[in-house]
């Protein structure tokens, strides 16, 4: 992992598929601008938490992306794109010199 990334003393939550937060569909139309800003911030926080959990499990627990998000995402165009993006993030953040 890069110099900014530090593994926790104990790694938890890596035994099951990590659920990627889903965007609320269809709810944006009835929201005020203030509600949209709040919902977007909430979604970004959930995505950041998801990414952090992926990094912890991949860098510190040695799990593969497929183990973490499930093999169901490997089929279909969008699923493959998401897996590739997550794999790139892990490869950028994790490196062999880092000791968890």
N, C-alpha and C. Protein backbone atom coordinates (compact mmCIF):
# COMPACT_ATOMS: atom_id res chain seq x y z
N UNK A 1 0.85 -1.18 0.00
CA UNK A 1 0.00 0.00 0.00
C UNK A 1 0.89 1.23 0.00
N UNK A 2 0.36 2.34 -0.39
CA UNK A 2 1.20 3.54 -0.45
C UNK A 2 1.48 4.07 0.94
N UNK A 3 2.32 5.09 1.03
CA UNK A 3 2.76 5.61 2.33
C UNK A 3 1.60 6.14 3.17
N UNK A 4 0.53 6.57 2.55
CA UNK A 4 -0.62 7.12 3.28
C UNK A 4 -1.53 6.02 3.83
N UNK A 5 -1.38 4.82 3.33
CA UNK A 5 -2.27 3.73 3.72
C UNK A 5 -1.63 2.92 4.83
N UNK A 6 -2.34 2.74 5.91
CA UNK A 6 -1.85 1.96 7.04
C UNK A 6 -2.88 0.89 7.37
N UNK A 7 -2.42 -0.34 7.48
CA UNK A 7 -3.32 -1.43 7.83
C UNK A 7 -3.70 -1.34 9.30
N UNK A 8 -4.94 -1.66 9.62
CA UNK A 8 -5.33 -1.70 11.03
C UNK A 8 -4.67 -2.88 11.73
N UNK A 9 -4.65 -2.83 13.05
CA UNK A 9 -4.04 -3.93 13.81
C UNK A 9 -4.77 -5.24 13.59
N UNK A 10 -6.09 -5.17 13.48
CA UNK A 10 -6.85 -6.39 13.17
C UNK A 10 -7.74 -6.11 11.97
N UNK A 11 -7.82 -7.08 11.09
CA UNK A 11 -8.61 -6.96 9.87
C UNK A 11 -9.88 -7.75 10.05
N UNK A 12 -11.04 -7.10 9.85
CA UNK A 12 -12.33 -7.77 9.97
C UNK A 12 -13.19 -7.47 8.75
N UNK A 13 -14.19 -8.27 8.56
CA UNK A 13 -15.16 -8.02 7.49
C UNK A 13 -14.71 -8.50 6.12
N UNK A 14 -13.68 -9.33 6.07
CA UNK A 14 -13.17 -9.79 4.79
C UNK A 14 -13.63 -11.21 4.42
N UNK A 15 -14.45 -11.81 5.27
CA UNK A 15 -14.86 -13.19 5.02
C UNK A 15 -16.08 -13.31 4.12
N UNK A 16 -16.81 -12.23 3.94
CA UNK A 16 -18.02 -12.27 3.12
C UNK A 16 -17.89 -11.26 1.99
N UNK A 17 -18.76 -11.37 1.00
CA UNK A 17 -18.76 -10.40 -0.08
C UNK A 17 -19.03 -9.00 0.46
N UNK A 18 -18.26 -8.06 0.01
CA UNK A 18 -18.44 -6.67 0.42
C UNK A 18 -19.42 -6.05 -0.57
N UNK A 19 -20.52 -5.56 -0.07
CA UNK A 19 -21.56 -5.01 -0.93
C UNK A 19 -21.21 -3.60 -1.37
N UNK A 20 -21.20 -3.39 -2.68
CA UNK A 20 -20.98 -2.05 -3.22
C UNK A 20 -22.26 -1.25 -3.00
N UNK A 21 -22.13 -0.03 -2.50
CA UNK A 21 -23.33 0.78 -2.30
C UNK A 21 -24.03 1.04 -3.64
N UNK A 22 -25.32 0.93 -3.61
CA UNK A 22 -26.11 1.17 -4.82
C UNK A 22 -26.63 2.60 -4.82
N UNK A 23 -26.62 3.18 -5.99
CA UNK A 23 -27.16 4.54 -6.13
C UNK A 23 -28.68 4.50 -6.03
N UNK A 24 -29.25 5.48 -5.36
CA UNK A 24 -30.72 5.54 -5.33
C UNK A 24 -31.24 5.85 -6.73
N UNK A 25 -32.10 5.01 -7.25
CA UNK A 25 -32.62 5.19 -8.60
C UNK A 25 -34.02 5.78 -8.53
N UNK A 26 -34.24 6.80 -9.31
CA UNK A 26 -35.57 7.38 -9.41
C UNK A 26 -35.94 8.35 -8.30
N UNK A 27 -35.12 8.46 -7.29
CA UNK A 27 -35.48 9.34 -6.18
C UNK A 27 -35.01 10.78 -6.40
N UNK A 28 -34.13 10.99 -7.36
CA UNK A 28 -33.56 12.32 -7.58
C UNK A 28 -34.61 13.32 -8.07
N UNK A 29 -35.59 12.85 -8.83
CA UNK A 29 -36.54 13.75 -9.47
C UNK A 29 -37.34 14.57 -8.46
N UNK A 30 -37.69 13.98 -7.36
CA UNK A 30 -38.52 14.68 -6.39
C UNK A 30 -37.73 15.41 -5.31
N UNK A 31 -36.43 15.46 -5.42
CA UNK A 31 -35.60 16.08 -4.39
C UNK A 31 -35.32 17.55 -4.68
N UNK A 32 -35.23 18.31 -3.61
CA UNK A 32 -34.78 19.69 -3.75
C UNK A 32 -33.27 19.67 -3.96
N UNK A 33 -32.69 20.79 -4.35
CA UNK A 33 -31.24 20.87 -4.55
C UNK A 33 -30.49 20.54 -3.26
N UNK A 34 -31.01 21.00 -2.15
CA UNK A 34 -30.38 20.73 -0.85
C UNK A 34 -30.40 19.23 -0.55
N UNK A 35 -31.52 18.58 -0.82
CA UNK A 35 -31.63 17.14 -0.59
C UNK A 35 -30.69 16.36 -1.51
N UNK A 36 -30.55 16.84 -2.76
CA UNK A 36 -29.64 16.20 -3.71
C UNK A 36 -28.19 16.29 -3.23
N UNK A 37 -27.81 17.46 -2.72
CA UNK A 37 -26.44 17.64 -2.21
C UNK A 37 -26.20 16.70 -1.03
N UNK A 38 -27.18 16.60 -0.13
CA UNK A 38 -27.06 15.73 1.04
C UNK A 38 -26.99 14.26 0.61
N UNK A 39 -27.83 13.86 -0.33
CA UNK A 39 -27.85 12.47 -0.80
C UNK A 39 -26.53 12.13 -1.51
N UNK A 40 -26.01 13.07 -2.29
CA UNK A 40 -24.74 12.85 -2.99
C UNK A 40 -23.60 12.69 -1.98
N UNK A 41 -23.57 13.52 -0.96
CA UNK A 41 -22.53 13.43 0.07
C UNK A 41 -22.61 12.10 0.81
N UNK A 42 -23.83 11.66 1.11
CA UNK A 42 -24.04 10.38 1.78
C UNK A 42 -23.55 9.23 0.90
N UNK A 43 -23.86 9.28 -0.39
CA UNK A 43 -23.43 8.24 -1.32
C UNK A 43 -21.91 8.22 -1.44
N UNK A 44 -21.29 9.39 -1.53
CA UNK A 44 -19.83 9.46 -1.63
C UNK A 44 -19.17 8.88 -0.38
N UNK A 45 -19.75 9.12 0.78
CA UNK A 45 -19.22 8.57 2.03
C UNK A 45 -19.31 7.04 2.02
N UNK A 46 -20.43 6.51 1.53
CA UNK A 46 -20.60 5.06 1.45
C UNK A 46 -19.60 4.44 0.47
N UNK A 47 -19.37 5.10 -0.66
CA UNK A 47 -18.41 4.61 -1.65
C UNK A 47 -17.00 4.65 -1.07
N UNK A 48 -16.65 5.72 -0.36
CA UNK A 48 -15.33 5.81 0.27
C UNK A 48 -15.13 4.69 1.28
N UNK A 49 -16.16 4.39 2.07
CA UNK A 49 -16.09 3.29 3.05
C UNK A 49 -15.90 1.96 2.33
N UNK A 50 -16.62 1.75 1.24
CA UNK A 50 -16.50 0.54 0.43
C UNK A 50 -15.08 0.39 -0.09
N UNK A 51 -14.53 1.45 -0.67
CA UNK A 51 -13.18 1.41 -1.22
C UNK A 51 -12.15 1.14 -0.13
N UNK A 52 -12.32 1.76 1.02
CA UNK A 52 -11.40 1.55 2.13
C UNK A 52 -11.43 0.09 2.58
N UNK A 53 -12.62 -0.50 2.65
CA UNK A 53 -12.73 -1.90 3.06
C UNK A 53 -12.07 -2.81 2.02
N UNK A 54 -12.23 -2.50 0.74
CA UNK A 54 -11.58 -3.28 -0.32
C UNK A 54 -10.07 -3.21 -0.14
N UNK A 55 -9.53 -2.01 0.10
CA UNK A 55 -8.09 -1.86 0.28
C UNK A 55 -7.58 -2.62 1.49
N UNK A 56 -8.29 -2.52 2.60
CA UNK A 56 -7.87 -3.22 3.81
C UNK A 56 -7.84 -4.72 3.55
N UNK A 57 -8.89 -5.24 2.95
CA UNK A 57 -8.97 -6.68 2.73
C UNK A 57 -7.97 -7.16 1.67
N UNK A 58 -7.73 -6.36 0.65
CA UNK A 58 -6.79 -6.75 -0.40
C UNK A 58 -5.34 -6.56 0.06
N UNK A 59 -5.03 -5.42 0.64
CA UNK A 59 -3.65 -5.12 1.04
C UNK A 59 -3.25 -5.88 2.29
N UNK A 60 -4.12 -5.96 3.26
CA UNK A 60 -3.76 -6.47 4.58
C UNK A 60 -4.16 -7.92 4.82
N UNK A 61 -5.17 -8.39 4.10
CA UNK A 61 -5.65 -9.76 4.32
C UNK A 61 -5.38 -10.64 3.10
N UNK A 62 -4.84 -10.05 2.03
CA UNK A 62 -4.47 -10.82 0.86
C UNK A 62 -5.60 -11.36 0.03
N UNK A 63 -6.79 -10.79 0.17
CA UNK A 63 -7.95 -11.26 -0.60
C UNK A 63 -7.90 -10.69 -2.02
N UNK A 64 -8.43 -11.46 -2.96
CA UNK A 64 -8.55 -10.98 -4.33
C UNK A 64 -9.83 -10.16 -4.48
N UNK A 65 -9.90 -9.38 -5.53
CA UNK A 65 -11.10 -8.59 -5.79
C UNK A 65 -12.31 -9.51 -5.96
N UNK A 66 -12.13 -10.62 -6.67
CA UNK A 66 -13.24 -11.56 -6.88
C UNK A 66 -13.74 -12.12 -5.56
N UNK A 67 -12.84 -12.41 -4.63
CA UNK A 67 -13.25 -12.91 -3.32
C UNK A 67 -14.03 -11.86 -2.55
N UNK A 68 -13.68 -10.59 -2.76
CA UNK A 68 -14.28 -9.52 -1.97
C UNK A 68 -15.64 -9.06 -2.47
N UNK A 69 -15.82 -9.02 -3.77
CA UNK A 69 -17.08 -8.51 -4.30
C UNK A 69 -17.93 -9.60 -4.95
N UNK A 70 -17.41 -10.81 -5.00
CA UNK A 70 -18.17 -11.91 -5.58
C UNK A 70 -17.93 -12.04 -7.07
N UNK A 71 -18.07 -13.25 -7.55
CA UNK A 71 -17.81 -13.53 -8.96
C UNK A 71 -18.94 -13.07 -9.87
N UNK A 72 -20.09 -12.73 -9.31
CA UNK A 72 -21.22 -12.29 -10.13
C UNK A 72 -20.94 -11.02 -10.90
N UNK A 73 -20.03 -10.20 -10.39
CA UNK A 73 -19.70 -8.95 -11.07
C UNK A 73 -18.81 -9.16 -12.29
N UNK A 74 -18.20 -10.34 -12.41
CA UNK A 74 -17.26 -10.55 -13.51
C UNK A 74 -17.97 -10.76 -14.84
N UNK A 75 -19.29 -10.93 -14.81
CA UNK A 75 -20.04 -11.12 -16.04
C UNK A 75 -20.77 -9.83 -16.38
N UNK A 76 -20.81 -9.53 -17.64
CA UNK A 76 -21.48 -8.32 -18.08
C UNK A 76 -20.52 -7.15 -18.18
N UNK A 77 -20.83 -6.21 -19.05
CA UNK A 77 -19.95 -5.08 -19.32
C UNK A 77 -19.65 -4.20 -18.13
N UNK A 78 -20.68 -3.73 -17.45
CA UNK A 78 -20.49 -2.82 -16.32
C UNK A 78 -19.78 -3.50 -15.15
N UNK A 79 -20.12 -4.76 -14.90
CA UNK A 79 -19.47 -5.51 -13.83
C UNK A 79 -17.98 -5.67 -14.06
N UNK A 80 -17.61 -5.94 -15.31
CA UNK A 80 -16.19 -6.08 -15.65
C UNK A 80 -15.46 -4.76 -15.47
N UNK A 81 -16.11 -3.66 -15.84
CA UNK A 81 -15.51 -2.33 -15.67
C UNK A 81 -15.27 -2.03 -14.20
N UNK A 82 -16.23 -2.36 -13.36
CA UNK A 82 -16.11 -2.11 -11.92
C UNK A 82 -14.96 -2.94 -11.35
N UNK A 83 -14.89 -4.23 -11.73
CA UNK A 83 -13.80 -5.09 -11.25
C UNK A 83 -12.45 -4.55 -11.70
N UNK A 84 -12.35 -4.12 -12.94
CA UNK A 84 -11.09 -3.60 -13.46
C UNK A 84 -10.67 -2.33 -12.71
N UNK A 85 -11.63 -1.48 -12.43
CA UNK A 85 -11.34 -0.24 -11.70
C UNK A 85 -10.89 -0.53 -10.27
N UNK A 86 -11.56 -1.48 -9.61
CA UNK A 86 -11.16 -1.87 -8.26
C UNK A 86 -9.78 -2.51 -8.26
N UNK A 87 -9.51 -3.36 -9.25
CA UNK A 87 -8.20 -4.01 -9.35
C UNK A 87 -7.10 -2.97 -9.55
N UNK A 88 -7.36 -1.98 -10.39
CA UNK A 88 -6.40 -0.91 -10.61
C UNK A 88 -6.14 -0.13 -9.32
N UNK A 89 -7.20 0.15 -8.56
CA UNK A 89 -7.06 0.86 -7.30
C UNK A 89 -6.17 0.06 -6.34
N UNK A 90 -6.40 -1.24 -6.24
CA UNK A 90 -5.62 -2.09 -5.35
C UNK A 90 -4.16 -2.12 -5.79
N UNK A 91 -3.93 -2.28 -7.09
CA UNK A 91 -2.56 -2.33 -7.60
C UNK A 91 -1.82 -1.02 -7.37
N UNK A 92 -2.53 0.09 -7.43
CA UNK A 92 -1.92 1.39 -7.19
C UNK A 92 -1.62 1.59 -5.71
N UNK A 93 -2.53 1.18 -4.85
CA UNK A 93 -2.40 1.42 -3.42
C UNK A 93 -1.55 0.38 -2.70
N UNK A 94 -1.60 -0.87 -3.15
CA UNK A 94 -0.85 -1.95 -2.51
C UNK A 94 0.44 -2.20 -3.28
N UNK A 95 1.50 -2.46 -2.57
CA UNK A 95 2.73 -2.88 -3.23
C UNK A 95 3.46 -3.89 -2.36
N UNK A 96 4.40 -4.58 -2.95
CA UNK A 96 5.09 -5.66 -2.25
C UNK A 96 5.96 -5.17 -1.10
N UNK A 97 6.35 -3.91 -1.12
CA UNK A 97 7.22 -3.37 -0.07
C UNK A 97 6.46 -3.05 1.21
N UNK A 98 5.15 -2.96 1.12
CA UNK A 98 4.36 -2.58 2.30
C UNK A 98 4.15 -3.79 3.20
N UNK A 99 4.34 -3.60 4.47
CA UNK A 99 4.14 -4.68 5.43
C UNK A 99 2.93 -4.34 6.28
N UNK A 100 1.94 -5.20 6.27
CA UNK A 100 0.73 -4.96 7.05
C UNK A 100 0.97 -5.35 8.50
